[in-house]
Amino acid sequence: MASIEHDLFIEWMDWLKSNHPEHGFMYDGIISQSDWELAERHILFVLKDYNAKGNSVSLDEVDISDREDIKRKIFNLRYYLQKGINEPKNWRVWDNVSRWTYGLLHLTIDSFPSYREVDVQGNAYHRSSNLKKVSVLDLKKEPGTARCSKQQLNQYFRKYPQNQLFTSRQIELYGKIDYVVCCGDGVYDAFLQTIQQGKLKRYECLINRPNYCITKQGTIIIKYIHPLLLHKKYCKESAYSDLMRIVQNALLDKVKLIT
């Protein structure tokens, strides 16, 4: 998988460099292939603009044929989440993603772990272990700034529409996904548009609700807040509990769909 994904990224960077050399790039996707394969449920978190502007290098400065140059100049989110996540930068985002991951892995249609149990899953001891079990997708595929509005995201895809086709190919590599959590304003709509552009039949939605849909292959795609919790009404506990309840409602719908 890792080599196939790498080949796709090389093709992707090569196309961008030829057509939009000002564009940067970043490696994302499955954090740890071995942990992903062992996970009882496959979870994809989708974000729009990873905050690492200082790591942004335009592709006209990168020798794509040189693996070492790619390692030096292209930000690797997968490596960061495996090795560097104990750094204080962006800790709030990944603490909450770690908690949400633990909850989703242990949730049933009738219950989910209490926040008291889950809270510690966001600390440095557990964070890396939980994150290795998931995949993280950045829609803009390059380090960005602290904020990216829905309007800016739409403008981005108008400027770089080919990126949606490449993104759909990346998603298809992961096979059956149980939960897709679209984090932040505009991400859910952009993700659905991406899979439509890529004509991913397995992601055709059979049930549509205001904050989730269920696809033909049984994937639950969730419209949710950004894990930075910028909305004042959310605290860590309420954000966790609300997500779990959304997924439980979706599971009830999924049972009805099957029967």
C-alpha atoms as a PDB file:
ATOM      1  CA  MET A   1       0.000   0.000   0.000  1.00  0.00           C
ATOM      2  CA  ALA A   2       2.675   2.508   1.038  1.00  0.00           C
ATOM      3  CA  SER A   3       4.578   2.042  -2.230  1.00  0.00           C
ATOM      4  CA  ILE A   4       1.373   2.369  -4.284  1.00  0.00           C
ATOM      5  CA  GLU A   5       0.445   5.529  -2.410  1.00  0.00           C
ATOM      6  CA  HIS A   6       3.961   6.867  -2.908  1.00  0.00           C
ATOM      7  CA  ASP A   7       3.724   6.201  -6.665  1.00  0.00           C
ATOM      8  CA  LEU A   8       0.439   8.119  -6.756  1.00  0.00           C
ATOM      9  CA  PHE A   9       1.989  11.038  -4.875  1.00  0.00           C
ATOM     10  CA  ILE A  10       4.929  11.148  -7.320  1.00  0.00           C
ATOM     11  CA  GLU A  11       2.512  11.244 -10.258  1.00  0.00           C
ATOM     12  CA  TRP A  12       0.465  13.899  -8.449  1.00  0.00           C
ATOM     13  CA  MET A  13       3.469  16.095  -7.670  1.00  0.00           C
ATOM     14  CA  ASP A  14       4.765  15.707 -11.209  1.00  0.00           C
ATOM     15  CA  TRP A  15       1.440  16.876 -12.641  1.00  0.00           C
ATOM     16  CA  LEU A  16       1.268  19.829 -10.256  1.00  0.00           C
ATOM     17  CA  LYS A  17       4.858  20.822 -10.958  1.00  0.00           C
ATOM     18  CA  SER A  18       4.166  20.849 -14.701  1.00  0.00           C
ATOM     19  CA  ASN A  19       0.886  22.732 -14.420  1.00  0.00           C
ATOM     20  CA  HIS A  20       1.001  24.640 -11.116  1.00  0.00           C
ATOM     21  CA  PRO A  21       4.647  24.859  -9.966  1.00  0.00           C
ATOM     22  CA  GLU A  22       3.657  27.351  -7.264  1.00  0.00           C
ATOM     23  CA  HIS A  23       1.691  24.637  -5.476  1.00  0.00           C
ATOM     24  CA  GLY A  24       3.259  22.832  -2.527  1.00  0.00           C
ATOM     25  CA  PHE A  25       2.598  19.289  -1.374  1.00  0.00           C
ATOM     26  CA  MET A  26       2.465  17.105   1.712  1.00  0.00           C
ATOM     27  CA  TYR A  27       2.357  13.380   2.421  1.00  0.00           C
ATOM     28  CA  ASP A  28      -0.731  12.231   4.310  1.00  0.00           C
ATOM     29  CA  GLY A  29      -2.920   9.115   4.370  1.00  0.00           C
ATOM     30  CA  ILE A  30      -2.531   5.915   6.399  1.00  0.00           C
ATOM     31  CA  ILE A  31      -0.353   6.756   9.390  1.00  0.00           C
ATOM     32  CA  SER A  32       0.917   3.210  10.019  1.00  0.00           C
ATOM     33  CA  GLN A  33       0.161   0.476   7.513  1.00  0.00           C
ATOM     34  CA  SER A  34       0.586  -2.364  10.016  1.00  0.00           C
ATOM     35  CA  ASP A  35      -1.663  -0.735  12.632  1.00  0.00           C
ATOM     36  CA  TRP A  36      -4.271   0.131   9.976  1.00  0.00           C
ATOM     37  CA  GLU A  37      -4.429  -3.477   8.823  1.00  0.00           C
ATOM     38  CA  LEU A  38      -4.922  -4.720  12.395  1.00  0.00           C
ATOM     39  CA  ALA A  39      -7.567  -2.139  13.325  1.00  0.00           C
ATOM     40  CA  GLU A  40     -11.056  -3.571  13.783  1.00  0.00           C
ATOM     41  CA  ARG A  41     -12.541  -0.510  12.086  1.00  0.00           C
ATOM     42  CA  HIS A  42     -11.049   1.713   9.425  1.00  0.00           C
ATOM     43  CA  ILE A  43     -11.413   5.420  10.160  1.00  0.00           C
ATOM     44  CA  LEU A  44     -10.527   8.312   7.858  1.00  0.00           C
ATOM     45  CA  PHE A  45     -10.303  11.855   9.202  1.00  0.00           C
ATOM     46  CA  VAL A  46     -10.601  14.536   6.520  1.00  0.00           C
ATOM     47  CA  LEU A  47      -9.279  18.045   7.125  1.00  0.00           C
ATOM     48  CA  LYS A  48      -8.814  20.918   4.722  1.00  0.00           C
ATOM     49  CA  ASP A  49      -5.658  22.868   5.443  1.00  0.00           C
ATOM     50  CA  TYR A  50      -3.018  21.523   7.811  1.00  0.00           C
ATOM     51  CA  ASN A  51      -1.449  24.366   9.786  1.00  0.00           C
ATOM     52  CA  ALA A  52       2.247  24.094   8.967  1.00  0.00           C
ATOM     53  CA  LYS A  53       2.931  27.074   6.721  1.00  0.00           C
ATOM     54  CA  GLY A  54       6.593  27.139   7.714  1.00  0.00           C
ATOM     55  CA  ASN A  55       6.941  23.687   6.130  1.00  0.00           C
ATOM     56  CA  SER A  56       5.507  24.772   2.778  1.00  0.00           C
ATOM     57  CA  VAL A  57       7.829  24.535  -0.235  1.00  0.00           C
ATOM     58  CA  SER A  58       6.624  25.119  -3.789  1.00  0.00           C
ATOM     59  CA  LEU A  59       7.145  22.160  -6.096  1.00  0.00           C
ATOM     60  CA  ASP A  60       9.369  24.142  -8.452  1.00  0.00           C
ATOM     61  CA  GLU A  61      11.961  23.903  -5.636  1.00  0.00           C
ATOM     62  CA  VAL A  62      11.753  20.111  -5.359  1.00  0.00           C
ATOM     63  CA  ASP A  63      13.530  17.444  -7.400  1.00  0.00           C
ATOM     64  CA  ILE A  64      10.720  14.899  -7.578  1.00  0.00           C
ATOM     65  CA  SER A  65      13.051  12.251  -9.005  1.00  0.00           C
ATOM     66  CA  ASP A  66      15.194  12.417  -5.842  1.00  0.00           C
ATOM     67  CA  ARG A  67      13.691  10.630  -2.820  1.00  0.00           C
ATOM     68  CA  GLU A  68      16.069  12.383  -0.436  1.00  0.00           C
ATOM     69  CA  ASP A  69      15.077  15.807  -1.765  1.00  0.00           C
ATOM     70  CA  ILE A  70      11.427  14.892  -1.253  1.00  0.00           C
ATOM     71  CA  LYS A  71      12.176  13.813   2.339  1.00  0.00           C
ATOM     72  CA  ARG A  72      13.999  17.081   3.034  1.00  0.00           C
ATOM     73  CA  LYS A  73      11.466  19.452   1.487  1.00  0.00           C
ATOM     74  CA  ILE A  74       8.018  17.845   1.508  1.00  0.00           C
ATOM     75  CA  PHE A  75       6.184  17.845   4.835  1.00  0.00           C
ATOM     76  CA  ASN A  76       5.212  14.310   5.870  1.00  0.00           C
ATOM     77  CA  LEU A  77       2.130  14.401   8.102  1.00  0.00           C
ATOM     78  CA  ARG A  78       2.255  10.630   8.523  1.00  0.00           C
ATOM     79  CA  TYR A  79       5.769  10.754   9.968  1.00  0.00           C
ATOM     80  CA  TYR A  80       4.856  13.711  12.172  1.00  0.00           C
ATOM     81  CA  LEU A  81       1.878  11.899  13.667  1.00  0.00           C
ATOM     82  CA  GLN A  82       4.016   8.821  14.316  1.00  0.00           C
ATOM     83  CA  LYS A  83       7.139  10.520  15.657  1.00  0.00           C
ATOM     84  CA  GLY A  84       6.617  14.182  16.430  1.00  0.00           C
ATOM     85  CA  ILE A  85       3.154  14.330  17.923  1.00  0.00           C
ATOM     86  CA  ASN A  86       4.498  14.823  21.441  1.00  0.00           C
ATOM     87  CA  GLU A  87       5.517  18.324  20.426  1.00  0.00           C
ATOM     88  CA  PRO A  88       3.180  20.994  21.851  1.00  0.00           C
ATOM     89  CA  LYS A  89       2.326  22.396  18.397  1.00  0.00           C
ATOM     90  CA  ASN A  90      -1.245  21.563  17.324  1.00  0.00           C
ATOM     91  CA  TRP A  91      -1.660  19.372  20.401  1.00  0.00           C
ATOM     92  CA  ARG A  92      -5.324  20.287  20.842  1.00  0.00           C
ATOM     93  CA  VAL A  93      -6.282  19.047  17.380  1.00  0.00           C
ATOM     94  CA  TRP A  94      -4.573  15.674  17.706  1.00  0.00           C
ATOM     95  CA  ASP A  95      -5.582  15.180  21.353  1.00  0.00           C
ATOM     96  CA  ASN A  96      -9.209  15.357  20.271  1.00  0.00           C
ATOM     97  CA  VAL A  97      -8.687  13.234  17.154  1.00  0.00           C
ATOM     98  CA  SER A  98      -7.100  10.625  19.408  1.00  0.00           C
ATOM     99  CA  ARG A  99     -10.067  10.690  21.792  1.00  0.00           C
ATOM    100  CA  TRP A 100     -12.538  10.480  18.903  1.00  0.00           C
ATOM    101  CA  THR A 101     -10.583   7.568  17.430  1.00  0.00           C
ATOM    102  CA  TYR A 102     -10.696   5.616  20.680  1.00  0.00           C
ATOM    103  CA  GLY A 103     -14.428   6.247  20.994  1.00  0.00           C
ATOM    104  CA  LEU A 104     -15.176   5.193  17.418  1.00  0.00           C
ATOM    105  CA  LEU A 105     -13.117   2.023  17.784  1.00  0.00           C
ATOM    106  CA  HIS A 106     -15.054   0.988  20.910  1.00  0.00           C
ATOM    107  CA  LEU A 107     -18.521   2.343  20.146  1.00  0.00           C
ATOM    108  CA  THR A 108     -21.533   0.074  19.693  1.00  0.00           C
ATOM    109  CA  ILE A 109     -25.060   0.845  18.627  1.00  0.00           C
ATOM    110  CA  ASP A 110     -26.073   0.851  22.310  1.00  0.00           C
ATOM    111  CA  SER A 111     -23.097   2.376  24.128  1.00  0.00           C
ATOM    112  CA  PHE A 112     -19.806   4.195  23.871  1.00  0.00           C
ATOM    113  CA  PRO A 113     -16.915   4.753  26.320  1.00  0.00           C
ATOM    114  CA  SER A 114     -17.508   7.457  28.915  1.00  0.00           C
ATOM    115  CA  TYR A 115     -15.589  10.680  28.595  1.00  0.00           C
ATOM    116  CA  ARG A 116     -13.786   9.858  31.852  1.00  0.00           C
ATOM    117  CA  GLU A 117     -12.377   6.771  30.140  1.00  0.00           C
ATOM    118  CA  VAL A 118     -11.671   8.595  26.900  1.00  0.00           C
ATOM    119  CA  ASP A 119     -10.103  11.785  28.240  1.00  0.00           C
ATOM    120  CA  VAL A 120      -6.751  10.132  28.983  1.00  0.00           C
ATOM    121  CA  GLN A 121      -6.597   8.856  25.389  1.00  0.00           C
ATOM    122  CA  GLY A 122      -5.661  12.383  24.374  1.00  0.00           C
ATOM    123  CA  ASN A 123      -2.494  12.508  26.441  1.00  0.00           C
ATOM    124  CA  ALA A 124       1.011  11.966  25.103  1.00  0.00           C
ATOM    125  CA  TYR A 125       1.159   8.346  26.272  1.00  0.00           C
ATOM    126  CA  HIS A 126      -1.864   7.186  24.240  1.00  0.00           C
ATOM    127  CA  ARG A 127      -2.036   9.716  21.414  1.00  0.00           C
ATOM    128  CA  SER A 128       0.484   8.200  19.028  1.00  0.00           C
ATOM    129  CA  SER A 129      -0.879   4.682  19.540  1.00  0.00           C
ATOM    130  CA  ASN A 130      -4.419   5.747  18.652  1.00  0.00           C
ATOM    131  CA  LEU A 131      -3.432   7.847  15.655  1.00  0.00           C
ATOM    132  CA  LYS A 132      -1.416   5.021  14.108  1.00  0.00           C
ATOM    133  CA  LYS A 133      -4.711   3.169  13.605  1.00  0.00           C
ATOM    134  CA  VAL A 134      -6.300   5.792  11.327  1.00  0.00           C
ATOM    135  CA  SER A 135      -5.822   7.612   8.073  1.00  0.00           C
ATOM    136  CA  VAL A 136      -5.715  11.410   7.801  1.00  0.00           C
ATOM    137  CA  LEU A 137      -6.446  13.207   4.542  1.00  0.00           C
ATOM    138  CA  ASP A 138      -5.712  16.875   3.896  1.00  0.00           C
ATOM    139  CA  LEU A 139      -7.944  18.115   1.058  1.00  0.00           C
ATOM    140  CA  LYS A 140      -5.628  20.920  -0.046  1.00  0.00           C
ATOM    141  CA  LYS A 141      -2.565  18.643  -0.010  1.00  0.00           C
ATOM    142  CA  GLU A 142      -0.176  21.331   1.122  1.00  0.00           C
ATOM    143  CA  PRO A 143       0.670  22.978   4.452  1.00  0.00           C
ATOM    144  CA  GLY A 144      -1.479  26.036   5.047  1.00  0.00           C
ATOM    145  CA  THR A 145      -2.381  28.619   7.647  1.00  0.00           C
ATOM    146  CA  ALA A 146      -4.410  28.506  10.839  1.00  0.00           C
ATOM    147  CA  ARG A 147      -7.742  29.183   9.122  1.00  0.00           C
ATOM    148  CA  CYS A 148      -9.360  28.135   5.855  1.00  0.00           C
ATOM    149  CA  SER A 149     -12.979  29.155   5.300  1.00  0.00           C
ATOM    150  CA  LYS A 150     -15.528  27.269   3.226  1.00  0.00           C
ATOM    151  CA  GLN A 151     -15.272  30.014   0.605  1.00  0.00           C
ATOM    152  CA  GLN A 152     -11.484  29.667   0.444  1.00  0.00           C
ATOM    153  CA  LEU A 153     -11.806  25.909   0.075  1.00  0.00           C
ATOM    154  CA  ASN A 154     -14.252  26.324  -2.809  1.00  0.00           C
ATOM    155  CA  GLN A 155     -11.917  28.834  -4.445  1.00  0.00           C
ATOM    156  CA  TYR A 156      -9.064  26.385  -4.082  1.00  0.00           C
ATOM    157  CA  PHE A 157     -10.870  23.622  -5.965  1.00  0.00           C
ATOM    158  CA  ARG A 158     -11.936  26.031  -8.685  1.00  0.00           C
ATOM    159  CA  LYS A 159      -8.266  26.828  -9.173  1.00  0.00           C
ATOM    160  CA  TYR A 160      -7.019  23.231  -8.807  1.00  0.00           C
ATOM    161  CA  PRO A 161      -9.905  20.963  -9.907  1.00  0.00           C
ATOM    162  CA  GLN A 162      -7.528  18.153 -10.897  1.00  0.00           C
ATOM    163  CA  ASN A 163      -6.663  17.677  -7.238  1.00  0.00           C
ATOM    164  CA  GLN A 164     -10.114  16.249  -6.603  1.00  0.00           C
ATOM    165  CA  LEU A 165      -9.471  13.508  -9.144  1.00  0.00           C
ATOM    166  CA  PHE A 166      -6.131  12.648  -7.567  1.00  0.00           C
ATOM    167  CA  THR A 167      -7.723  12.704  -4.104  1.00  0.00           C
ATOM    168  CA  SER A 168     -10.451  10.313  -5.210  1.00  0.00           C
ATOM    169  CA  ARG A 169      -7.766   7.918  -6.439  1.00  0.00           C
ATOM    170  CA  GLN A 170      -6.055   8.112  -3.051  1.00  0.00           C
ATOM    171  CA  ILE A 171      -9.316   7.368  -1.234  1.00  0.00           C
ATOM    172  CA  GLU A 172      -9.952   4.379  -3.484  1.00  0.00           C
ATOM    173  CA  LEU A 173      -6.633   2.851  -2.405  1.00  0.00           C
ATOM    174  CA  TYR A 174      -7.945   2.398   1.143  1.00  0.00           C
ATOM    175  CA  GLY A 175     -10.705  -0.018   0.235  1.00  0.00           C
ATOM    176  CA  LYS A 176     -13.571  -0.397   2.700  1.00  0.00           C
ATOM    177  CA  ILE A 177     -13.699   2.446   5.239  1.00  0.00           C
ATOM    178  CA  ASP A 178     -16.093   2.275   8.179  1.00  0.00           C
ATOM    179  CA  TYR A 179     -16.170   5.946   9.231  1.00  0.00           C
ATOM    180  CA  VAL A 180     -15.159   9.125   7.440  1.00  0.00           C
ATOM    181  CA  VAL A 181     -15.122  12.126   9.781  1.00  0.00           C
ATOM    182  CA  CYS A 182     -15.147  15.393   7.796  1.00  0.00           C
ATOM    183  CA  CYS A 183     -13.733  18.020  10.140  1.00  0.00           C
ATOM    184  CA  GLY A 184     -14.588  21.686   9.699  1.00  0.00           C
ATOM    185  CA  ASP A 185     -16.773  24.030   7.695  1.00  0.00           C
ATOM    186  CA  GLY A 186     -17.130  22.979   4.054  1.00  0.00           C
ATOM    187  CA  VAL A 187     -15.142  19.752   4.353  1.00  0.00           C
ATOM    188  CA  TYR A 188     -18.156  17.416   4.171  1.00  0.00           C
ATOM    189  CA  ASP A 189     -19.465  19.009   0.964  1.00  0.00           C
ATOM    190  CA  ALA A 190     -15.979  19.099  -0.559  1.00  0.00           C
ATOM    191  CA  PHE A 191     -15.422  15.428   0.267  1.00  0.00           C
ATOM    192  CA  LEU A 192     -18.734  14.387  -1.316  1.00  0.00           C
ATOM    193  CA  GLN A 193     -17.929  16.469  -4.384  1.00  0.00           C
ATOM    194  CA  THR A 194     -14.511  14.810  -4.587  1.00  0.00           C
ATOM    195  CA  ILE A 195     -15.898  11.275  -4.599  1.00  0.00           C
ATOM    196  CA  GLN A 196     -18.531  12.339  -7.148  1.00  0.00           C
ATOM    197  CA  GLN A 197     -15.855  13.817  -9.414  1.00  0.00           C
ATOM    198  CA  GLY A 198     -13.860  10.614  -9.082  1.00  0.00           C
ATOM    199  CA  LYS A 199     -16.975   8.504  -9.799  1.00  0.00           C
ATOM    200  CA  LEU A 200     -16.375   6.281  -6.776  1.00  0.00           C
ATOM    201  CA  LYS A 201     -19.454   4.061  -7.005  1.00  0.00           C
ATOM    202  CA  ARG A 202     -18.897   2.428  -3.616  1.00  0.00           C
ATOM    203  CA  TYR A 203     -19.339   5.878  -2.019  1.00  0.00           C
ATOM    204  CA  GLU A 204     -22.725   6.565  -3.580  1.00  0.00           C
ATOM    205  CA  CYS A 205     -24.951   7.755  -0.723  1.00  0.00           C
ATOM    206  CA  LEU A 206     -28.093   5.684  -0.084  1.00  0.00           C
ATOM    207  CA  ILE A 207     -29.204   7.504   3.090  1.00  0.00           C
ATOM    208  CA  ASN A 208     -28.747  11.262   3.543  1.00  0.00           C
ATOM    209  CA  ARG A 209     -29.228  13.034   6.856  1.00  0.00           C
ATOM    210  CA  PRO A 210     -28.312  16.609   7.874  1.00  0.00           C
ATOM    211  CA  ASN A 211     -25.049  15.552   9.533  1.00  0.00           C
ATOM    212  CA  TYR A 212     -24.166  12.235   7.896  1.00  0.00           C
ATOM    213  CA  CYS A 213     -24.771   9.942   4.974  1.00  0.00           C
ATOM    214  CA  ILE A 214     -24.425   6.183   4.516  1.00  0.00           C
ATOM    215  CA  THR A 215     -22.904   4.884   1.301  1.00  0.00           C
ATOM    216  CA  LYS A 216     -23.589   1.862  -0.842  1.00  0.00           C
ATOM    217  CA  GLN A 217     -20.666  -0.017   0.757  1.00  0.00           C
ATOM    218  CA  GLY A 218     -21.837   0.892   4.275  1.00  0.00           C
ATOM    219  CA  THR A 219     -19.391   3.695   5.017  1.00  0.00           C
ATOM    220  CA  ILE A 220     -20.739   6.360   7.369  1.00  0.00           C
ATOM    221  CA  ILE A 221     -19.573   9.836   6.281  1.00  0.00           C
ATOM    222  CA  ILE A 222     -19.982  12.385   9.067  1.00  0.00           C
ATOM    223  CA  LYS A 223     -20.256  16.156   8.861  1.00  0.00           C
ATOM    224  CA  TYR A 224     -18.578  17.482  11.973  1.00  0.00           C
ATOM    225  CA  ILE A 225     -16.685  20.320  13.603  1.00  0.00           C
ATOM    226  CA  HIS A 226     -12.946  20.843  13.430  1.00  0.00           C
ATOM    227  CA  PRO A 227     -11.133  19.131  16.341  1.00  0.00           C
ATOM    228  CA  LEU A 228      -9.582  22.464  17.312  1.00  0.00           C
ATOM    229  CA  LEU A 229     -13.069  23.200  18.757  1.00  0.00           C
ATOM    230  CA  LEU A 230     -13.358  26.809  17.629  1.00  0.00           C
ATOM    231  CA  HIS A 231     -17.114  26.806  18.270  1.00  0.00           C
ATOM    232  CA  LYS A 232     -17.684  28.280  21.724  1.00  0.00           C
ATOM    233  CA  LYS A 233     -20.563  25.916  22.517  1.00  0.00           C
ATOM    234  CA  TYR A 234     -18.234  22.912  22.405  1.00  0.00           C
ATOM    235  CA  CYS A 235     -15.891  21.662  25.083  1.00  0.00           C
ATOM    236  CA  LYS A 236     -13.829  18.491  24.740  1.00  0.00           C
ATOM    237  CA  GLU A 237     -16.482  16.357  26.418  1.00  0.00           C
ATOM    238  CA  SER A 238     -19.473  17.666  24.479  1.00  0.00           C
ATOM    239  CA  ALA A 239     -17.590  17.419  21.179  1.00  0.00           C
ATOM    240  CA  TYR A 240     -16.752  13.790  21.895  1.00  0.00           C
ATOM    241  CA  SER A 241     -20.234  12.825  23.108  1.00  0.00           C
ATOM    242  CA  ASP A 242     -22.037  14.546  20.224  1.00  0.00           C
ATOM    243  CA  LEU A 243     -19.890  12.743  17.665  1.00  0.00           C
ATOM    244  CA  MET A 244     -20.574   9.385  19.282  1.00  0.00           C
ATOM    245  CA  ARG A 245     -24.346  10.023  19.262  1.00  0.00           C
ATOM    246  CA  ILE A 246     -24.279  11.014  15.600  1.00  0.00           C
ATOM    247  CA  VAL A 247     -22.548   7.743  14.746  1.00  0.00           C
ATOM    248  CA  GLN A 248     -24.986   5.722  16.859  1.00  0.00           C
ATOM    249  CA  ASN A 249     -27.909   7.305  14.985  1.00  0.00           C
ATOM    250  CA  ALA A 250     -26.187   6.431  11.730  1.00  0.00           C
ATOM    251  CA  LEU A 251     -25.706   2.840  12.871  1.00  0.00           C
ATOM    252  CA  LEU A 252     -29.436   2.590  13.590  1.00  0.00           C
ATOM    253  CA  ASP A 253     -30.124   3.822  10.048  1.00  0.00           C
ATOM    254  CA  LYS A 254     -27.595   1.325   8.722  1.00  0.00           C
ATOM    255  CA  VAL A 255     -29.424  -1.561  10.429  1.00  0.00           C
ATOM    256  CA  LYS A 256     -32.677  -0.447   8.793  1.00  0.00           C
ATOM    257  CA  LEU A 257     -30.881  -0.254   5.439  1.00  0.00           C
ATOM    258  CA  ILE A 258     -29.613  -3.820   5.775  1.00  0.00           C
ATOM    259  CA  THR A 259     -32.951  -5.234   6.932  1.00  0.00           C
END
